[in-house]
Amino acid sequence: MFSSQQHVRPMKDRVREALFNLIGPAVVGKHAIDLFAGTGALGFEALSRGAASATFVERHFPTADMIKQNAETLEIANIVTVLPANVLLWSRRMPELPRMAWLVFVSPPWDMFVENTEELMLLLNSLVDHAPPGSHFVVEADERFDLAQLPQPDHWQVREYPPAIVAILRLPEPGSEQNVASGEQLQ
């Protein structure tokens, strides 16, 4: 199903498994947004765990076409949107996204956190500002990225899986007073 592409740096299997264990059943019913999608492994995994729908954004057209083909093969094309676009440009116009809670994956090539820090922070701030209540954000980077630059920096749950660092933000549900920084379950 997935073909390997040299320009893609997929999240390691052990990191992806740990990530979905941290998120747990909170994925169910959300709209997955797989930015810098590559093969689409994160978005497809979210769908397999109960996400209601998914948007994949991948700038490499042949890889974006592969995601579309995989969605058709899996017979889920009706709940999948694939956008062949540069995520940093795509985010400036904030396209229409479902108003259900989101599960946003931000896992670009790690050099982008060094070379495009300002654009990535604008992207994350815009998404957090527009996200429906109950949305989750997942950022995967390496040690070169200063997590204090993230929006709401004190509210991210951080785990290290060397060389990867994964940060997860859960926006509270309406009326919820849950302390997301306390390390409580993300469900």
Protein backbone atom coordinates (compact mmCIF):
# COMPACT_ATOMS: atom_id res chain seq x y z
CA MET A 1 0.00 0.00 0.00
CA PHE A 2 2.56 2.64 1.03
CA SER A 3 5.51 3.19 -1.25
CA SER A 4 8.70 4.61 0.16
CA GLN A 5 9.82 8.05 -0.89
CA GLN A 6 13.33 9.31 -0.19
CA HIS A 7 12.15 12.83 0.71
CA VAL A 8 9.81 11.49 3.41
CA ARG A 9 10.95 11.13 7.03
CA PRO A 10 8.17 9.08 8.57
CA MET A 11 7.64 9.05 12.30
CA LYS A 12 9.25 5.94 13.72
CA ASP A 13 6.82 3.11 14.50
CA ARG A 14 7.65 3.12 18.22
CA VAL A 15 7.01 6.87 18.44
CA ARG A 16 3.72 6.61 16.53
CA GLU A 17 2.57 3.76 18.78
CA ALA A 18 3.48 5.70 21.93
CA LEU A 19 1.74 8.80 20.58
CA PHE A 20 -1.52 7.00 19.92
CA ASN A 21 -1.30 5.33 23.34
CA LEU A 22 -1.06 8.81 24.90
CA ILE A 23 -4.02 10.11 22.91
CA GLY A 24 -6.02 6.94 23.55
CA PRO A 25 -9.72 6.99 22.70
CA ALA A 26 -9.68 10.79 22.30
CA VAL A 27 -9.08 10.20 18.58
CA VAL A 28 -12.62 8.83 18.15
CA GLY A 29 -14.93 11.18 16.27
CA LYS A 30 -12.30 13.84 15.59
CA HIS A 31 -11.27 15.24 12.21
CA ALA A 32 -7.60 14.29 11.70
CA ILE A 33 -5.43 16.90 9.99
CA ASP A 34 -2.13 15.41 8.84
CA LEU A 35 0.13 18.34 7.91
CA PHE A 36 3.39 17.56 6.12
CA ALA A 37 1.62 14.25 5.54
CA GLY A 38 4.31 12.33 3.66
CA THR A 39 2.84 8.85 3.28
CA GLY A 40 -0.15 9.83 5.40
CA ALA A 41 0.65 7.25 8.07
CA LEU A 42 -0.53 9.46 10.96
CA GLY A 43 -3.83 10.37 9.35
CA PHE A 44 -4.52 6.79 8.25
CA GLU A 45 -3.68 5.53 11.74
CA ALA A 46 -6.10 8.08 13.23
CA LEU A 47 -8.83 6.89 10.85
CA SER A 48 -8.15 3.26 11.77
CA ARG A 49 -8.59 4.22 15.44
CA GLY A 50 -11.93 5.94 14.97
CA ALA A 51 -11.35 9.43 13.59
CA ALA A 52 -14.45 10.51 11.65
CA SER A 53 -12.59 12.01 8.70
CA ALA A 54 -9.17 13.32 7.66
CA THR A 55 -7.44 16.04 5.69
CA PHE A 56 -3.93 15.32 4.40
CA VAL A 57 -1.70 18.19 3.26
CA GLU A 58 1.41 17.17 1.30
CA ARG A 59 3.36 19.40 -1.09
CA HIS A 60 4.96 16.59 -3.12
CA PHE A 61 2.32 15.92 -5.78
CA PRO A 62 3.24 12.26 -6.47
CA THR A 63 3.09 11.49 -2.74
CA ALA A 64 -0.24 13.31 -2.41
CA ASP A 65 -1.52 11.20 -5.32
CA MET A 66 -0.33 8.08 -3.48
CA ILE A 67 -2.36 9.12 -0.40
CA LYS A 68 -5.46 9.51 -2.62
CA GLN A 69 -4.86 6.08 -4.16
CA ASN A 70 -4.44 4.51 -0.73
CA ALA A 71 -7.69 6.09 0.47
CA GLU A 72 -9.46 4.66 -2.59
CA THR A 73 -7.90 1.23 -2.03
CA LEU A 74 -9.05 1.29 1.59
CA GLU A 75 -12.50 2.44 0.42
CA ILE A 76 -12.43 5.55 2.62
CA ALA A 77 -12.02 8.21 -0.09
CA ASN A 78 -15.42 9.63 0.91
CA ILE A 79 -14.05 10.73 4.32
CA VAL A 80 -10.59 11.81 3.11
CA THR A 81 -9.48 15.11 1.60
CA VAL A 82 -5.99 15.31 0.11
CA LEU A 83 -4.57 18.75 -0.55
CA PRO A 84 -1.37 18.88 -2.61
CA ALA A 85 -0.05 22.12 -1.17
CA ASN A 86 2.76 23.73 0.80
CA VAL A 87 1.51 23.66 4.40
CA LEU A 88 3.15 26.96 5.27
CA LEU A 89 1.31 28.70 2.40
CA TRP A 90 -1.89 26.72 2.93
CA SER A 91 -2.11 27.86 6.53
CA ARG A 92 -2.06 31.57 5.64
CA ARG A 93 -5.52 31.39 4.14
CA MET A 94 -6.97 29.01 6.76
CA PRO A 95 -9.16 26.86 4.53
CA GLU A 96 -12.57 25.73 5.64
CA LEU A 97 -12.24 22.72 7.93
CA PRO A 98 -14.94 20.72 9.73
CA ARG A 99 -16.16 22.28 12.97
CA MET A 100 -15.89 19.01 14.88
CA ALA A 101 -12.87 18.74 17.20
CA TRP A 102 -9.58 18.26 15.36
CA LEU A 103 -6.59 16.01 15.85
CA VAL A 104 -3.76 17.95 14.20
CA PHE A 105 -0.42 16.31 13.41
CA VAL A 106 2.55 18.62 12.75
CA SER A 107 5.53 16.43 11.90
CA PRO A 108 7.61 18.20 9.25
CA PRO A 109 11.24 17.52 8.41
CA TRP A 110 12.97 18.57 11.62
CA ASP A 111 15.19 21.11 9.83
CA MET A 112 12.04 23.18 9.28
CA PHE A 113 11.92 23.92 13.01
CA VAL A 114 15.31 25.61 12.63
CA GLU A 115 14.98 27.08 9.13
CA ASN A 116 11.28 28.07 9.18
CA THR A 117 10.60 28.64 12.88
CA GLU A 118 8.59 31.84 12.40
CA GLU A 119 6.34 30.34 9.70
CA LEU A 120 5.75 27.16 11.74
CA MET A 121 4.82 29.19 14.82
CA LEU A 122 2.42 31.32 12.74
CA LEU A 123 0.89 28.08 11.46
CA LEU A 124 0.50 26.59 14.95
CA ASN A 125 -0.83 29.80 16.47
CA SER A 126 -3.38 30.18 13.67
CA LEU A 127 -4.53 26.57 13.99
CA VAL A 128 -4.81 26.74 17.79
CA ASP A 129 -6.76 30.00 17.50
CA HIS A 130 -9.21 28.51 14.97
CA ALA A 131 -9.52 25.02 16.47
CA PRO A 132 -12.84 23.86 17.90
CA PRO A 133 -12.94 23.07 21.63
CA GLY A 134 -11.68 19.58 22.48
CA SER A 135 -9.11 19.59 19.67
CA HIS A 136 -5.69 17.96 20.09
CA PHE A 137 -2.39 19.03 18.59
CA VAL A 138 0.65 16.80 18.16
CA VAL A 139 4.06 18.25 17.28
CA GLU A 140 7.06 16.06 16.57
CA ALA A 141 10.49 17.72 16.51
CA ASP A 142 14.02 17.08 17.72
CA GLU A 143 16.10 18.71 20.45
CA ARG A 144 16.99 21.73 18.29
CA PHE A 145 13.45 23.12 18.63
CA ASP A 146 12.68 25.20 21.71
CA LEU A 147 9.25 23.97 22.86
CA ALA A 148 8.78 27.24 24.77
CA GLN A 149 7.96 28.81 21.38
CA LEU A 150 4.77 26.74 21.06
CA PRO A 151 1.43 28.48 21.63
CA GLN A 152 0.31 28.03 25.24
CA PRO A 153 3.76 26.58 26.07
CA ASP A 154 2.87 25.52 29.62
CA HIS A 155 -0.03 23.35 28.45
CA TRP A 156 1.82 20.83 26.29
CA GLN A 157 2.45 17.29 27.49
CA VAL A 158 5.99 16.41 26.36
CA ARG A 159 7.55 13.01 25.84
CA GLU A 160 11.03 12.19 24.57
CA TYR A 161 11.73 9.27 22.26
CA PRO A 162 15.31 10.09 21.22
CA PRO A 163 15.99 11.64 18.88
CA ALA A 164 12.31 12.64 18.64
CA ILE A 165 10.43 14.89 21.02
CA VAL A 166 6.62 14.73 20.91
CA ALA A 167 4.46 17.49 22.38
CA ILE A 168 0.69 17.15 22.75
CA LEU A 169 -1.78 19.95 23.47
CA ARG A 170 -5.41 19.30 24.35
CA LEU A 171 -7.81 22.20 24.12
CA PRO A 172 -10.48 21.87 26.81
CA GLU A 173 -14.07 21.02 26.00
CA PRO A 174 -16.55 23.87 26.51
CA GLY A 175 -17.18 24.35 30.23
CA SER A 176 -14.27 22.10 31.18
CA GLU A 177 -11.93 23.25 33.91
CA GLN A 178 -9.47 20.39 33.40
CA ASN A 179 -5.86 21.36 33.92
CA VAL A 180 -4.21 20.18 30.70
CA ALA A 181 -0.72 20.88 32.02
CA SER A 182 -1.10 18.51 34.95
CA GLY A 183 -0.35 15.40 32.95
CA GLU A 184 -3.92 14.10 33.20
CA GLN A 185 -5.06 11.62 30.58
CA LEU A 186 -5.69 13.31 27.24
CA GLN A 187 -9.06 11.65 26.67
